Amino acid sequence: MLSFVMFQCLSVITHTGSSSDEESLQQSSNQYLCASSTAFTSQATSTARRKRCTREQLYSCSQCGKLFSSQNGLCAHMNIHKSKYKCTECGKCCHSSSTLAVHRRSHSGERPFECTVCSKRFTASGDLFKHSRIHSGDKLHKCHMCDKAFSVSSHLNNHLRVHSGDKPYKCHMCDKAFSYSGHLNRHVRVHTGDKPHKCSQCDKCFTTSSHLQKHKHRVHSNRRPYQCFSCEKMFKTTDDLKMHVRIHTDAKPYSCRHCADHFMYDYQLKRHLLESHNEGTWLTCNICQKKFTRSRDLNEHVRRHERVKPNVCSDVQSVSTQ
């Protein structure tokens, strides 16, 4: 019997093949229950995950030390270091031509895959498939620590860091720490000022493609496809709807790992950690030294010093007061 060292997640996954005791998989109603880490979508994926959990027969990258469960995965990864598939817009290197094609859509704004339920669009078919579970209600990936369930295994992985508090990626400019390298990369742009994602309608630029898409929904579109079931209020984005629903449910999903306090919004937890437990990094206005927990609050505050009106696009004509 193999010994597993990762979190137990109690995630169930559909699979038609046979199970194996050595892989610590249990079969019930044609579904597998993972006894070590996250959920699997196929027997091949379960084997790969088992190797990552037990560090069995792993292939290591000689340049960055990243581990892979197969030699093919390592070979594809090496294309990143070789800059074989490099984006001409931002310089990001991908491991294959297909991933580069998907990445380029983040610059062009192209989202060819549309959800038939809510009309939300995606750059990749896999993202659409994961999104469809939101409407179907399928949440196969459950956290064993708080019973919270997720429709996508990667979301469970992200959630587990909330319990562990693991933040291995630190910014060398302000010492702020992050749980994921992607979050660190986006944060660094706050210091560098790099905004590679440009709006085609008003020339406003953003640090991430998701911020660009939210801008398009909130500023350039009047569509409100997301409805609250309690008060029938309509919203432009799922994020807006989720935050609104908490008003009705009084849900406080953000818990402090140092004490018993719970919070409705993430920025409330960040402020609590800073004020009560001295954890985290304040964002400070370089003009008046006022401190903030969210970058958007700091940016809005700085605009007041500069007397710049926010959310004014080049396609909106300004009207001067008499």
Foldseek 3Di string as FASTA:
>chain_A
DDDFDAAQWQFKEAEDDDDDVVLVWDDDPRITTHGHAWGDHYPVRSQFVSCVRRVPCWDADPPPGDTGSDPVVNQLVVQQVVQVLADPQPGGRGSDVVVSQLVVCLQVVDFPAADPQQRDGHSDPVVNVLVVCVVVVDFRTAGPVPRDTGSDRVVVVVVVCLQVVDFPAADPPFRFTHNDPVVNVLVVCVVVVDFRHADPPFRDTHSGSVVNVVLCQVQVDPDFRDADPPPRDTHSDPVVNVLVVCVVVVDFPRADNVDGDTHSDPQVVQVCCCPPVVDGDWDADPPPRDTGSDPVVNVVVVCVVVVHDPSDGPVDDDDDDD
